[in-house]
C-alpha atoms as a PDB file:
ATOM      1  CA  UNK A   1     169.944 113.016 184.036  1.00  0.00           C
ATOM      2  CA  UNK A   2     166.478 111.464 184.130  1.00  0.00           C
ATOM      3  CA  UNK A   3     164.719 111.668 187.473  1.00  0.00           C
ATOM      4  CA  UNK A   4     161.879 109.358 188.459  1.00  0.00           C
ATOM      5  CA  UNK A   5     160.922 106.144 186.772  1.00  0.00           C
ATOM      6  CA  UNK A   6     161.285 105.975 183.024  1.00  0.00           C
ATOM      7  CA  UNK A   7     160.263 102.947 181.018  1.00  0.00           C
ATOM      8  CA  UNK A   8     160.956 102.995 177.304  1.00  0.00           C
ATOM      9  CA  UNK A   9     159.106 100.436 175.196  1.00  0.00           C
ATOM     10  CA  UNK A  10     161.396 100.386 172.223  1.00  0.00           C
ATOM     11  CA  UNK A  11     164.833  98.924 172.612  1.00  0.00           C
ATOM     12  CA  UNK A  12     167.556 101.543 172.813  1.00  0.00           C
ATOM     13  CA  UNK A  13     169.587  99.506 170.307  1.00  0.00           C
ATOM     14  CA  UNK A  14     166.726  99.814 167.807  1.00  0.00           C
ATOM     15  CA  UNK A  15     166.568 103.554 168.399  1.00  0.00           C
ATOM     16  CA  UNK A  16     170.329 103.953 167.900  1.00  0.00           C
ATOM     17  CA  UNK A  17     170.173 101.801 164.773  1.00  0.00           C
ATOM     18  CA  UNK A  18     167.536 104.137 163.345  1.00  0.00           C
ATOM     19  CA  UNK A  19     164.795 101.527 163.234  1.00  0.00           C
ATOM     20  CA  UNK A  20     162.286 104.014 164.671  1.00  0.00           C
ATOM     21  CA  UNK A  21     162.806 106.096 161.544  1.00  0.00           C
ATOM     22  CA  UNK A  22     162.479 103.147 159.177  1.00  0.00           C
ATOM     23  CA  UNK A  23     158.719 103.506 159.011  1.00  0.00           C
ATOM     24  CA  UNK A  24     158.781 104.725 155.460  1.00  0.00           C
ATOM     25  CA  UNK A  25     155.716 103.196 153.826  1.00  0.00           C
ATOM     26  CA  UNK A  26     151.996 103.123 154.591  1.00  0.00           C
ATOM     27  CA  UNK A  27     152.162  99.340 154.920  1.00  0.00           C
ATOM     28  CA  UNK A  28     154.600  99.580 157.809  1.00  0.00           C
ATOM     29  CA  UNK A  29     153.290  99.234 161.327  1.00  0.00           C
ATOM     30  CA  UNK A  30     153.205 102.157 163.715  1.00  0.00           C
ATOM     31  CA  UNK A  31     156.347 102.685 165.769  1.00  0.00           C
ATOM     32  CA  UNK A  32     156.093 103.919 169.330  1.00  0.00           C
ATOM     33  CA  UNK A  33     158.372 105.115 172.099  1.00  0.00           C
ATOM     34  CA  UNK A  34     156.780 105.414 175.534  1.00  0.00           C
ATOM     35  CA  UNK A  35     158.040 107.212 178.631  1.00  0.00           C
ATOM     36  CA  UNK A  36     156.151 106.491 181.851  1.00  0.00           C
ATOM     37  CA  UNK A  37     157.019 108.659 184.826  1.00  0.00           C
ATOM     38  CA  UNK A  38     155.722 109.620 188.232  1.00  0.00           C
ATOM     39  CA  UNK A  39     154.197 112.924 187.070  1.00  0.00           C
ATOM     40  CA  UNK A  40     153.933 112.564 183.309  1.00  0.00           C
ATOM     41  CA  UNK A  41     153.522 110.057 180.501  1.00  0.00           C
ATOM     42  CA  UNK A  42     154.828 110.764 177.027  1.00  0.00           C
ATOM     43  CA  UNK A  43     154.389 108.744 173.839  1.00  0.00           C
ATOM     44  CA  UNK A  44     156.067 109.376 170.495  1.00  0.00           C
ATOM     45  CA  UNK A  45     154.341 107.694 167.549  1.00  0.00           C
ATOM     46  CA  UNK A  46     155.282 107.649 163.901  1.00  0.00           C
ATOM     47  CA  UNK A  47     152.280 106.849 161.740  1.00  0.00           C
ATOM     48  CA  UNK A  48     153.681 107.677 158.334  1.00  0.00           C
ATOM     49  CA  UNK A  49     156.943 108.758 156.757  1.00  0.00           C
ATOM     50  CA  UNK A  50     156.484 112.444 157.593  1.00  0.00           C
ATOM     51  CA  UNK A  51     153.894 112.366 160.395  1.00  0.00           C
ATOM     52  CA  UNK A  52     154.973 112.162 164.038  1.00  0.00           C
ATOM     53  CA  UNK A  53     152.653 112.431 167.049  1.00  0.00           C
ATOM     54  CA  UNK A  54     153.798 113.402 170.526  1.00  0.00           C
ATOM     55  CA  UNK A  55     151.177 112.572 173.192  1.00  0.00           C
ATOM     56  CA  UNK A  56     151.689 114.030 176.658  1.00  0.00           C
ATOM     57  CA  UNK A  57     149.595 113.538 179.789  1.00  0.00           C
ATOM     58  CA  UNK A  58     150.002 114.639 183.399  1.00  0.00           C
ATOM     59  CA  UNK A  59     152.338 117.399 184.556  1.00  0.00           C
ATOM     60  CA  UNK A  60     155.519 117.769 182.535  1.00  0.00           C
ATOM     61  CA  UNK A  61     158.142 118.721 185.103  1.00  0.00           C
ATOM     62  CA  UNK A  62     161.097 117.481 183.069  1.00  0.00           C
ATOM     63  CA  UNK A  63     161.474 114.042 184.621  1.00  0.00           C
ATOM     64  CA  UNK A  64     162.554 112.521 181.290  1.00  0.00           C
ATOM     65  CA  UNK A  65     165.276 115.095 180.678  1.00  0.00           C
ATOM     66  CA  UNK A  66     166.268 115.392 177.038  1.00  0.00           C
ATOM     67  CA  UNK A  67     165.349 111.780 176.190  1.00  0.00           C
ATOM     68  CA  UNK A  68     162.148 112.601 174.230  1.00  0.00           C
ATOM     69  CA  UNK A  69     163.916 115.349 172.280  1.00  0.00           C
ATOM     70  CA  UNK A  70     166.816 113.033 171.520  1.00  0.00           C
ATOM     71  CA  UNK A  71     164.361 110.365 170.319  1.00  0.00           C
ATOM     72  CA  UNK A  72     162.808 112.897 167.939  1.00  0.00           C
ATOM     73  CA  UNK A  73     166.100 114.295 166.618  1.00  0.00           C
ATOM     74  CA  UNK A  74     166.544 111.818 163.757  1.00  0.00           C
ATOM     75  CA  UNK A  75     162.952 112.356 162.606  1.00  0.00           C
ATOM     76  CA  UNK A  76     163.374 116.112 162.275  1.00  0.00           C
ATOM     77  CA  UNK A  77     165.709 116.844 159.383  1.00  0.00           C
ATOM     78  CA  UNK A  78     165.745 119.891 157.143  1.00  0.00           C
ATOM     79  CA  UNK A  79     166.095 117.702 154.048  1.00  0.00           C
ATOM     80  CA  UNK A  80     162.763 115.991 154.717  1.00  0.00           C
ATOM     81  CA  UNK A  81     160.529 118.079 157.026  1.00  0.00           C
ATOM     82  CA  UNK A  82     157.805 116.386 159.082  1.00  0.00           C
ATOM     83  CA  UNK A  83     154.338 117.285 160.321  1.00  0.00           C
ATOM     84  CA  UNK A  84     154.512 117.190 164.125  1.00  0.00           C
ATOM     85  CA  UNK A  85     151.299 116.732 166.080  1.00  0.00           C
ATOM     86  CA  UNK A  86     151.405 117.422 169.818  1.00  0.00           C
ATOM     87  CA  UNK A  87     148.437 116.015 171.715  1.00  0.00           C
ATOM     88  CA  UNK A  88     148.443 117.832 175.051  1.00  0.00           C
ATOM     89  CA  UNK A  89     144.726 117.461 175.801  1.00  0.00           C
ATOM     90  CA  UNK A  90     145.516 115.559 179.022  1.00  0.00           C
ATOM     91  CA  UNK A  91     148.318 117.809 180.262  1.00  0.00           C
ATOM     92  CA  UNK A  92     147.621 119.395 183.639  1.00  0.00           C
ATOM     93  CA  UNK A  93     150.703 121.590 183.678  1.00  0.00           C
ATOM     94  CA  UNK A  94     154.216 122.181 182.414  1.00  0.00           C
ATOM     95  CA  UNK A  95     157.049 123.909 184.242  1.00  0.00           C
ATOM     96  CA  UNK A  96     158.535 127.101 182.838  1.00  0.00           C
ATOM     97  CA  UNK A  97     161.870 125.308 182.414  1.00  0.00           C
ATOM     98  CA  UNK A  98     160.279 122.466 180.435  1.00  0.00           C
ATOM     99  CA  UNK A  99     158.335 124.889 178.222  1.00  0.00           C
ATOM    100  CA  UNK A 100     161.534 126.822 177.585  1.00  0.00           C
ATOM    101  CA  UNK A 101     163.464 123.659 176.688  1.00  0.00           C
ATOM    102  CA  UNK A 102     160.767 122.566 174.222  1.00  0.00           C
ATOM    103  CA  UNK A 103     160.687 126.077 172.726  1.00  0.00           C
ATOM    104  CA  UNK A 104     164.469 126.065 172.237  1.00  0.00           C
ATOM    105  CA  UNK A 105     164.394 122.559 170.769  1.00  0.00           C
ATOM    106  CA  UNK A 106     161.504 123.311 168.386  1.00  0.00           C
ATOM    107  CA  UNK A 107     163.061 126.617 167.317  1.00  0.00           C
ATOM    108  CA  UNK A 108     166.396 124.971 166.563  1.00  0.00           C
ATOM    109  CA  UNK A 109     164.632 122.271 164.487  1.00  0.00           C
ATOM    110  CA  UNK A 110     162.345 124.662 162.580  1.00  0.00           C
ATOM    111  CA  UNK A 111     163.806 123.798 159.133  1.00  0.00           C
ATOM    112  CA  UNK A 112     162.859 120.153 159.761  1.00  0.00           C
ATOM    113  CA  UNK A 113     159.270 120.952 160.740  1.00  0.00           C
ATOM    114  CA  UNK A 114     156.788 121.465 157.926  1.00  0.00           C
ATOM    115  CA  UNK A 115     153.889 122.041 160.348  1.00  0.00           C
ATOM    116  CA  UNK A 116     153.202 121.739 164.069  1.00  0.00           C
ATOM    117  CA  UNK A 117     149.653 121.204 165.273  1.00  0.00           C
ATOM    118  CA  UNK A 118     149.111 121.275 169.029  1.00  0.00           C
ATOM    119  CA  UNK A 119     145.921 120.274 170.842  1.00  0.00           C
ATOM    120  CA  UNK A 120     145.492 121.834 174.271  1.00  0.00           C
ATOM    121  CA  UNK A 121     143.057 120.770 176.949  1.00  0.00           C
ATOM    122  CA  UNK A 122     143.056 123.875 179.137  1.00  0.00           C
ATOM    123  CA  UNK A 123     143.489 127.613 178.861  1.00  0.00           C
ATOM    124  CA  UNK A 124     146.747 127.394 180.843  1.00  0.00           C
ATOM    125  CA  UNK A 125     148.295 124.956 178.346  1.00  0.00           C
ATOM    126  CA  UNK A 126     146.987 127.057 175.461  1.00  0.00           C
ATOM    127  CA  UNK A 127     148.782 130.124 176.875  1.00  0.00           C
ATOM    128  CA  UNK A 128     151.926 128.031 177.405  1.00  0.00           C
ATOM    129  CA  UNK A 129     151.745 126.805 173.782  1.00  0.00           C
ATOM    130  CA  UNK A 130     151.358 130.373 172.531  1.00  0.00           C
ATOM    131  CA  UNK A 131     154.485 131.320 174.516  1.00  0.00           C
ATOM    132  CA  UNK A 132     156.411 128.416 172.951  1.00  0.00           C
ATOM    133  CA  UNK A 133     155.215 129.417 169.458  1.00  0.00           C
ATOM    134  CA  UNK A 134     156.253 133.038 169.940  1.00  0.00           C
ATOM    135  CA  UNK A 135     159.562 132.295 171.734  1.00  0.00           C
ATOM    136  CA  UNK A 136     160.610 129.749 169.072  1.00  0.00           C
ATOM    137  CA  UNK A 137     159.467 131.955 166.143  1.00  0.00           C
ATOM    138  CA  UNK A 138     157.048 129.291 164.910  1.00  0.00           C
ATOM    139  CA  UNK A 139     154.170 131.649 164.039  1.00  0.00           C
ATOM    140  CA  UNK A 140     154.064 130.576 160.383  1.00  0.00           C
ATOM    141  CA  UNK A 141     154.012 126.833 161.000  1.00  0.00           C
ATOM    142  CA  UNK A 142     152.477 126.154 164.439  1.00  0.00           C
ATOM    143  CA  UNK A 143     148.705 125.867 164.911  1.00  0.00           C
ATOM    144  CA  UNK A 144     147.169 125.667 168.380  1.00  0.00           C
ATOM    145  CA  UNK A 145     143.700 124.186 168.739  1.00  0.00           C
ATOM    146  CA  UNK A 146     141.460 123.241 171.639  1.00  0.00           C
ATOM    147  CA  UNK A 147     138.967 121.069 169.752  1.00  0.00           C
ATOM    148  CA  UNK A 148     139.935 117.364 169.541  1.00  0.00           C
ATOM    149  CA  UNK A 149     137.869 116.927 166.356  1.00  0.00           C
ATOM    150  CA  UNK A 150     139.916 119.622 164.588  1.00  0.00           C
ATOM    151  CA  UNK A 151     143.186 118.020 165.750  1.00  0.00           C
ATOM    152  CA  UNK A 152     142.085 114.495 164.773  1.00  0.00           C
ATOM    153  CA  UNK A 153     140.914 115.695 161.342  1.00  0.00           C
ATOM    154  CA  UNK A 154     144.227 117.488 160.685  1.00  0.00           C
ATOM    155  CA  UNK A 155     146.143 114.367 161.756  1.00  0.00           C
ATOM    156  CA  UNK A 156     144.054 112.092 159.521  1.00  0.00           C
ATOM    157  CA  UNK A 157     144.537 114.458 156.566  1.00  0.00           C
ATOM    158  CA  UNK A 158     148.302 114.622 157.122  1.00  0.00           C
ATOM    159  CA  UNK A 159     148.555 110.825 157.222  1.00  0.00           C
ATOM    160  CA  UNK A 160     146.408 110.478 154.092  1.00  0.00           C
ATOM    161  CA  UNK A 161     148.453 113.106 152.232  1.00  0.00           C
ATOM    162  CA  UNK A 162     151.720 111.513 153.306  1.00  0.00           C
ATOM    163  CA  UNK A 163     150.573 108.059 152.223  1.00  0.00           C
ATOM    164  CA  UNK A 164     149.617 109.442 148.788  1.00  0.00           C
ATOM    165  CA  UNK A 165     153.046 111.105 148.510  1.00  0.00           C
ATOM    166  CA  UNK A 166     154.785 107.883 149.559  1.00  0.00           C
ATOM    167  CA  UNK A 167     152.886 105.874 146.956  1.00  0.00           C
ATOM    168  CA  UNK A 168     153.557 108.502 144.297  1.00  0.00           C
ATOM    169  CA  UNK A 169     157.326 108.376 144.850  1.00  0.00           C
ATOM    170  CA  UNK A 170     157.790 104.723 145.741  1.00  0.00           C
ATOM    171  CA  UNK A 171     159.664 102.660 143.187  1.00  0.00           C
ATOM    172  CA  UNK A 172     157.599 100.464 140.881  1.00  0.00           C
ATOM    173  CA  UNK A 173     158.292  96.761 141.495  1.00  0.00           C
ATOM    174  CA  UNK A 174     160.076  95.080 138.624  1.00  0.00           C
ATOM    175  CA  UNK A 175     158.441  92.025 137.010  1.00  0.00           C
END
């Protein structure tokens, strides 16, 4: 059950039809799902085939329930792992329950996650992220940083690498 106000700016029918995951080429436009709540705002963006960004601001007290995790489920598959970037620079706090839910979700999706890069904006969120990494056994794939320039550079490199891979494996148009 989702408490509070939740506005989603992608039609649920598109999400169910898998259109969020159809962003397969660099020429495609960015796809976005937005959750706006009383305490927290959350945006899921897919910039490239294997690059997904989760932007969180405010205090994550769980007002969206499992909706963000459900929206990410189709993107995280073991047959085609993604690079997940979590931008938490504007997070003021997260409840223990919410942190635990994210840890369980990330841990259960580990085969579908090539890398996780998380940007924190405070020492409290950094400690929370370290707990999630340890609890979900993500030590080998999850990086935690507190410098936005490092996060932005890693994101840009992941998008560039993914675009090169997409071009390398895309079918050649027939004359």
